[in-house]
PDB file of N, CA and C in Angstrom:
ATOM      1  N   MET A   1       0.778  -1.044   0.032  1.00  0.00           N
ATOM      2  CA  MET A   1       0.109   0.037  -0.176  1.00  0.00           C
ATOM      3  C   MET A   1       0.838   1.102   0.110  1.00  0.00           C
ATOM      4  N   SER A   2       0.762   1.876  -0.781  1.00  0.00           N
ATOM      5  CA  SER A   2       1.434   3.251  -0.816  1.00  0.00           C
ATOM      6  C   SER A   2       0.986   4.347   0.080  1.00  0.00           C
ATOM      7  N   GLU A   3       1.857   5.056   0.588  1.00  0.00           N
ATOM      8  CA  GLU A   3       1.673   6.055   1.457  1.00  0.00           C
ATOM      9  C   GLU A   3       0.393   7.049   1.122  1.00  0.00           C
ATOM     10  N   SER A   4       0.043   7.210   0.005  1.00  0.00           N
ATOM     11  CA  SER A   4      -0.915   8.164  -0.618  1.00  0.00           C
ATOM     12  C   SER A   4      -2.301   7.376  -0.307  1.00  0.00           C
ATOM     13  N   ASN A   5      -2.298   6.293  -0.066  1.00  0.00           N
ATOM     14  CA  ASN A   5      -3.666   5.270   0.410  1.00  0.00           C
ATOM     15  C   ASN A   5      -3.622   5.008   2.053  1.00  0.00           C
ATOM     16  N   VAL A   6      -2.953   5.719   2.658  1.00  0.00           N
ATOM     17  CA  VAL A   6      -2.986   5.495   4.052  1.00  0.00           C
ATOM     18  C   VAL A   6      -4.314   6.525   4.383  1.00  0.00           C
ATOM     19  N   VAL A   7      -5.088   5.890   5.331  1.00  0.00           N
ATOM     20  CA  VAL A   7      -6.089   6.928   5.522  1.00  0.00           C
ATOM     21  C   VAL A   7      -6.420   7.451   6.920  1.00  0.00           C
ATOM     22  N   PHE A   8      -5.297   6.630   7.756  1.00  0.00           N
ATOM     23  CA  PHE A   8      -5.298   7.228   9.215  1.00  0.00           C
ATOM     24  C   PHE A   8      -3.755   6.946   9.720  1.00  0.00           C
ATOM     25  N   SER A   9      -3.695   8.197  10.641  1.00  0.00           N
ATOM     26  CA  SER A   9      -2.240   8.002  11.517  1.00  0.00           C
ATOM     27  C   SER A   9      -2.536   7.132  12.417  1.00  0.00           C
ATOM     28  N   PRO A  10      -1.605   6.170  13.267  1.00  0.00           N
ATOM     29  CA  PRO A  10      -1.810   5.309  14.048  1.00  0.00           C
ATOM     30  C   PRO A  10      -1.205   6.087  15.274  1.00  0.00           C
ATOM     31  N   THR A  11      -0.554   7.052  15.265  1.00  0.00           N
ATOM     32  CA  THR A  11      -0.002   7.753  16.199  1.00  0.00           C
ATOM     33  C   THR A  11      -0.033   9.452  16.197  1.00  0.00           C
ATOM     34  N   SER A  12      -0.177   9.733  17.169  1.00  0.00           N
ATOM     35  CA  SER A  12      -0.294  11.233  17.189  1.00  0.00           C
ATOM     36  C   SER A  12       0.434  11.848  18.402  1.00  0.00           C
ATOM     37  N   THR A  13       0.645  13.215  18.723  1.00  0.00           N
ATOM     38  CA  THR A  13       1.430  13.678  19.781  1.00  0.00           C
ATOM     39  C   THR A  13       0.165  13.802  21.131  1.00  0.00           C
ATOM     40  N   LYS A  14      -0.988  13.430  20.911  1.00  0.00           N
ATOM     41  CA  LYS A  14      -2.041  13.161  21.835  1.00  0.00           C
ATOM     42  C   LYS A  14      -2.297  11.840  22.061  1.00  0.00           C
ATOM     43  N   GLY A  15      -1.888  10.810  21.354  1.00  0.00           N
ATOM     44  CA  GLY A  15      -2.345   9.356  21.537  1.00  0.00           C
ATOM     45  C   GLY A  15      -3.581   9.225  20.822  1.00  0.00           C
ATOM     46  N   LYS A  16      -4.128   9.737  20.142  1.00  0.00           N
ATOM     47  CA  LYS A  16      -5.128   9.746  19.333  1.00  0.00           C
ATOM     48  C   LYS A  16      -4.942   9.437  17.809  1.00  0.00           C
ATOM     49  N   ILE A  17      -6.098   8.505  17.444  1.00  0.00           N
ATOM     50  CA  ILE A  17      -5.926   7.991  15.753  1.00  0.00           C
ATOM     51  C   ILE A  17      -6.608   9.288  15.248  1.00  0.00           C
ATOM     52  N   HIS A  18      -6.096   9.693  13.971  1.00  0.00           N
ATOM     53  CA  HIS A  18      -6.795  10.862  13.114  1.00  0.00           C
ATOM     54  C   HIS A  18      -7.455   9.977  11.993  1.00  0.00           C
ATOM     55  N   PHE A  19      -8.832  10.134  11.710  1.00  0.00           N
ATOM     56  CA  PHE A  19      -9.037   9.596  10.544  1.00  0.00           C
ATOM     57  C   PHE A  19      -9.463  10.713   9.600  1.00  0.00           C
ATOM     58  N   ASP A  20      -9.519  10.317   8.287  1.00  0.00           N
ATOM     59  CA  ASP A  20      -9.909  11.213   7.191  1.00  0.00           C
ATOM     60  C   ASP A  20     -11.331  10.686   6.670  1.00  0.00           C
ATOM     61  N   LEU A  21     -12.384  11.018   7.648  1.00  0.00           N
ATOM     62  CA  LEU A  21     -13.622  10.076   7.014  1.00  0.00           C
ATOM     63  C   LEU A  21     -14.180  10.531   5.642  1.00  0.00           C
ATOM     64  N   GLN A  22     -14.011  11.750   5.454  1.00  0.00           N
ATOM     65  CA  GLN A  22     -14.612  12.115   4.085  1.00  0.00           C
ATOM     66  C   GLN A  22     -14.138  11.505   3.002  1.00  0.00           C
ATOM     67  N   ARG A  23     -12.518  11.184   3.297  1.00  0.00           N
ATOM     68  CA  ARG A  23     -11.989  10.468   2.124  1.00  0.00           C
ATOM     69  C   ARG A  23     -12.266   9.005   2.198  1.00  0.00           C
ATOM     70  N   VAL A  24     -12.320   8.470   3.528  1.00  0.00           N
ATOM     71  CA  VAL A  24     -12.832   6.785   3.214  1.00  0.00           C
ATOM     72  C   VAL A  24     -14.455   6.646   3.101  1.00  0.00           C
ATOM     73  N   ASP A  25     -15.065   7.866   3.298  1.00  0.00           N
ATOM     74  CA  ASP A  25     -16.729   7.609   2.774  1.00  0.00           C
ATOM     75  C   ASP A  25     -16.826   7.890   1.117  1.00  0.00           C
ATOM     76  N   ALA A  26     -15.939   8.661   0.590  1.00  0.00           N
ATOM     77  CA  ALA A  26     -15.701   8.900  -0.716  1.00  0.00           C
ATOM     78  C   ALA A  26     -15.328   7.513  -1.569  1.00  0.00           C
ATOM     79  N   HIS A  27     -14.506   6.728  -0.881  1.00  0.00           N
ATOM     80  CA  HIS A  27     -13.844   5.745  -1.712  1.00  0.00           C
ATOM     81  C   HIS A  27     -15.019   4.689  -1.794  1.00  0.00           C
ATOM     82  N   VAL A  28     -14.988   4.266  -3.231  1.00  0.00           N
ATOM     83  CA  VAL A  28     -16.035   3.090  -3.722  1.00  0.00           C
ATOM     84  C   VAL A  28     -15.034   1.779  -3.990  1.00  0.00           C
ATOM     85  N   ILE A  29     -15.286   0.815  -3.275  1.00  0.00           N
ATOM     86  CA  ILE A  29     -14.701  -0.567  -3.369  1.00  0.00           C
ATOM     87  C   ILE A  29     -14.683  -0.995  -4.677  1.00  0.00           C
ATOM     88  N   GLN A  30     -13.771  -1.184  -5.523  1.00  0.00           N
ATOM     89  CA  GLN A  30     -13.820  -1.629  -6.907  1.00  0.00           C
ATOM     90  C   GLN A  30     -13.564  -3.212  -6.662  1.00  0.00           C
ATOM     91  N   PRO A  31     -14.005  -3.915  -7.917  1.00  0.00           N
ATOM     92  CA  PRO A  31     -14.100  -5.447  -7.711  1.00  0.00           C
ATOM     93  C   PRO A  31     -12.643  -6.103  -7.617  1.00  0.00           C
ATOM     94  N   GLU A  32     -11.902  -5.447  -7.899  1.00  0.00           N
ATOM     95  CA  GLU A  32     -10.483  -5.959  -7.922  1.00  0.00           C
ATOM     96  C   GLU A  32     -10.061  -6.005  -6.352  1.00  0.00           C
ATOM     97  N   GLU A  33     -10.318  -5.157  -5.672  1.00  0.00           N
ATOM     98  CA  GLU A  33     -10.112  -5.031  -4.231  1.00  0.00           C
ATOM     99  C   GLU A  33     -10.927  -5.656  -3.352  1.00  0.00           C
ATOM    100  N   TYR A  34     -12.001  -6.522  -3.856  1.00  0.00           N
ATOM    101  CA  TYR A  34     -12.865  -7.316  -2.940  1.00  0.00           C
ATOM    102  C   TYR A  34     -12.545  -8.893  -3.434  1.00  0.00           C
ATOM    103  N   GLU A  35     -12.395  -9.617  -2.414  1.00  0.00           N
ATOM    104  CA  GLU A  35     -12.301 -11.278  -2.687  1.00  0.00           C
ATOM    105  C   GLU A  35     -12.548 -11.898  -1.149  1.00  0.00           C
ATOM    106  N   GLU A  36     -13.355 -12.844  -1.490  1.00  0.00           N
ATOM    107  CA  GLU A  36     -13.713 -13.648  -0.561  1.00  0.00           C
ATOM    108  C   GLU A  36     -12.445 -14.151   0.317  1.00  0.00           C
ATOM    109  N   ILE A  37     -12.673 -14.285   1.407  1.00  0.00           N
ATOM    110  CA  ILE A  37     -11.530 -14.693   2.394  1.00  0.00           C
ATOM    111  C   ILE A  37     -11.711 -16.283   2.417  1.00  0.00           C
ATOM    112  N   PRO A  38     -10.534 -17.178   2.254  1.00  0.00           N
ATOM    113  CA  PRO A  38     -10.806 -18.532   2.436  1.00  0.00           C
ATOM    114  C   PRO A  38     -11.195 -18.974   3.780  1.00  0.00           C
ATOM    115  N   GLU A  39     -11.965 -19.994   4.039  1.00  0.00           N
ATOM    116  CA  GLU A  39     -12.421 -20.674   5.139  1.00  0.00           C
ATOM    117  C   GLU A  39     -11.475 -21.081   6.072  1.00  0.00           C
ATOM    118  N   ILE A  40     -11.472 -21.033   7.357  1.00  0.00           N
ATOM    119  CA  ILE A  40     -10.491 -21.365   8.081  1.00  0.00           C
ATOM    120  C   ILE A  40     -10.543 -22.916   8.399  1.00  0.00           C
ATOM    121  N   THR A  41      -9.342 -23.310   8.204  1.00  0.00           N
ATOM    122  CA  THR A  41      -9.263 -24.774   8.270  1.00  0.00           C
ATOM    123  C   THR A  41      -8.567 -25.098   9.747  1.00  0.00           C
ATOM    124  N   GLU A  42      -8.938 -26.327  10.236  1.00  0.00           N
ATOM    125  CA  GLU A  42      -8.224 -27.048  11.270  1.00  0.00           C
ATOM    126  C   GLU A  42      -6.787 -26.815  11.345  1.00  0.00           C
ATOM    127  N   GLU A  43      -6.042 -26.797  10.158  1.00  0.00           N
ATOM    128  CA  GLU A  43      -4.739 -26.721  10.259  1.00  0.00           C
ATOM    129  C   GLU A  43      -4.313 -25.166  10.304  1.00  0.00           C
ATOM    130  N   ASP A  44      -5.270 -24.222   9.871  1.00  0.00           N
ATOM    131  CA  ASP A  44      -5.028 -22.897  10.041  1.00  0.00           C
ATOM    132  C   ASP A  44      -4.887 -22.691  11.691  1.00  0.00           C
ATOM    133  N   LEU A  45      -5.857 -23.162  12.321  1.00  0.00           N
ATOM    134  CA  LEU A  45      -5.977 -23.046  13.808  1.00  0.00           C
ATOM    135  C   LEU A  45      -4.920 -23.609  14.455  1.00  0.00           C
ATOM    136  N   ALA A  46      -4.368 -24.870  13.879  1.00  0.00           N
ATOM    137  CA  ALA A  46      -3.120 -25.610  14.598  1.00  0.00           C
ATOM    138  C   ALA A  46      -2.021 -24.682  14.696  1.00  0.00           C
ATOM    139  N   HIS A  47      -2.024 -23.844  13.746  1.00  0.00           N
ATOM    140  CA  HIS A  47      -0.893 -22.585  13.781  1.00  0.00           C
ATOM    141  C   HIS A  47      -0.997 -21.391  14.316  1.00  0.00           C
ATOM    142  N   ALA A  48      -2.300 -21.179  14.748  1.00  0.00           N
ATOM    143  CA  ALA A  48      -2.869 -19.736  15.004  1.00  0.00           C
ATOM    144  C   ALA A  48      -2.230 -19.152  16.464  1.00  0.00           C
ATOM    145  N   VAL A  49      -2.094 -18.085  16.656  1.00  0.00           N
ATOM    146  CA  VAL A  49      -1.237 -17.596  17.954  1.00  0.00           C
ATOM    147  C   VAL A  49      -2.119 -16.099  18.286  1.00  0.00           C
ATOM    148  N   ILE A  50      -2.365 -16.223  19.654  1.00  0.00           N
ATOM    149  CA  ILE A  50      -3.091 -15.228  20.162  1.00  0.00           C
ATOM    150  C   ILE A  50      -2.060 -14.276  20.642  1.00  0.00           C
ATOM    151  N   LYS A  51      -2.262 -12.797  20.389  1.00  0.00           N
ATOM    152  CA  LYS A  51      -1.314 -11.751  20.390  1.00  0.00           C
ATOM    153  C   LYS A  51      -1.974 -10.725  21.199  1.00  0.00           C
ATOM    154  N   ARG A  52      -1.282 -10.395  22.624  1.00  0.00           N
ATOM    155  CA  ARG A  52      -2.096  -9.461  23.310  1.00  0.00           C
ATOM    156  C   ARG A  52      -0.865  -8.549  23.709  1.00  0.00           C
ATOM    157  N   PRO A  53      -1.323  -7.316  23.847  1.00  0.00           N
ATOM    158  CA  PRO A  53      -0.123  -6.225  24.076  1.00  0.00           C
ATOM    159  C   PRO A  53       0.338  -6.384  25.448  1.00  0.00           C
ATOM    160  N   GLY A  54       1.737  -6.601  25.608  1.00  0.00           N
ATOM    161  CA  GLY A  54       2.466  -6.703  26.908  1.00  0.00           C
ATOM    162  C   GLY A  54       2.338  -8.038  27.386  1.00  0.00           C
ATOM    163  N   GLN A  55       1.859  -9.151  26.566  1.00  0.00           N
ATOM    164  CA  GLN A  55       1.968 -10.264  26.836  1.00  0.00           C
ATOM    165  C   GLN A  55       2.603 -11.210  25.835  1.00  0.00           C
ATOM    166  N   PRO A  56       3.177 -12.234  26.364  1.00  0.00           N
ATOM    167  CA  PRO A  56       4.069 -13.383  25.361  1.00  0.00           C
ATOM    168  C   PRO A  56       2.586 -13.659  24.604  1.00  0.00           C
ATOM    169  N   ASP A  57       3.167 -14.163  23.230  1.00  0.00           N
ATOM    170  CA  ASP A  57       2.133 -14.771  22.518  1.00  0.00           C
ATOM    171  C   ASP A  57       1.837 -16.262  22.878  1.00  0.00           C
ATOM    172  N   GLN A  58       0.640 -16.721  22.914  1.00  0.00           N
ATOM    173  CA  GLN A  58       0.145 -17.594  23.296  1.00  0.00           C
ATOM    174  C   GLN A  58      -0.477 -18.703  22.022  1.00  0.00           C
ATOM    175  N   PRO A  59      -0.319 -19.876  22.096  1.00  0.00           N
ATOM    176  CA  PRO A  59      -1.001 -20.929  20.958  1.00  0.00           C
ATOM    177  C   PRO A  59      -2.332 -20.782  21.102  1.00  0.00           C
ATOM    178  N   PHE A  60      -3.125 -20.672  20.069  1.00  0.00           N
ATOM    179  CA  PHE A  60      -4.505 -20.641  20.020  1.00  0.00           C
ATOM    180  C   PHE A  60      -4.913 -22.256  20.483  1.00  0.00           C
ATOM    181  N   VAL A  61      -5.939 -22.609  21.539  1.00  0.00           N
ATOM    182  CA  VAL A  61      -6.334 -23.884  21.681  1.00  0.00           C
ATOM    183  C   VAL A  61      -7.718 -23.586  21.355  1.00  0.00           C
ATOM    184  N   ALA A  62      -8.457 -24.474  20.520  1.00  0.00           N
ATOM    185  CA  ALA A  62      -9.750 -24.516  20.303  1.00  0.00           C
ATOM    186  C   ALA A  62     -10.735 -25.201  21.079  1.00  0.00           C
ATOM    187  N   LYS A  63     -11.877 -24.622  21.781  1.00  0.00           N
ATOM    188  CA  LYS A  63     -12.544 -24.925  22.566  1.00  0.00           C
ATOM    189  C   LYS A  63     -13.507 -26.073  22.003  1.00  0.00           C
ATOM    190  N   PRO A  64     -13.826 -27.273  22.543  1.00  0.00           N
ATOM    191  CA  PRO A  64     -15.176 -27.774  21.863  1.00  0.00           C
ATOM    192  C   PRO A  64     -16.386 -27.425  21.686  1.00  0.00           C
ATOM    193  N   THR A  65     -17.097 -27.461  20.626  1.00  0.00           N
ATOM    194  CA  THR A  65     -18.388 -26.742  20.840  1.00  0.00           C
ATOM    195  C   THR A  65     -19.385 -27.659  21.161  1.00  0.00           C
ATOM    196  N   GLN A  66     -20.461 -26.875  21.856  1.00  0.00           N
ATOM    197  CA  GLN A  66     -21.324 -27.664  22.737  1.00  0.00           C
ATOM    198  C   GLN A  66     -22.492 -28.037  21.594  1.00  0.00           C
ATOM    199  N   ALA A  67     -23.052 -29.225  21.510  1.00  0.00           N
ATOM    200  CA  ALA A  67     -24.269 -29.860  21.121  1.00  0.00           C
ATOM    201  C   ALA A  67     -25.395 -29.440  22.003  1.00  0.00           C
ATOM    202  N   SER A  68     -26.202 -28.829  21.195  1.00  0.00           N
ATOM    203  CA  SER A  68     -27.518 -28.885  21.863  1.00  0.00           C
ATOM    204  C   SER A  68     -28.628 -29.621  21.864  1.00  0.00           C
TER     205      SER A  68
END
């Protein structure tokens, strides 16, 4: 992504995020910008990592689903 496409600044002197909402609202998504994301597989989950600020990375452990 080129710097001219950046629509927000993640940092500022006051710690706030600055958005250019008019620019975001004016953007029309083109077909080449949109594609379906692939389904998450068991293999993807086996390599997943939970990242939390200030904490070490933790491997993701899927919880079994409850049948009703």
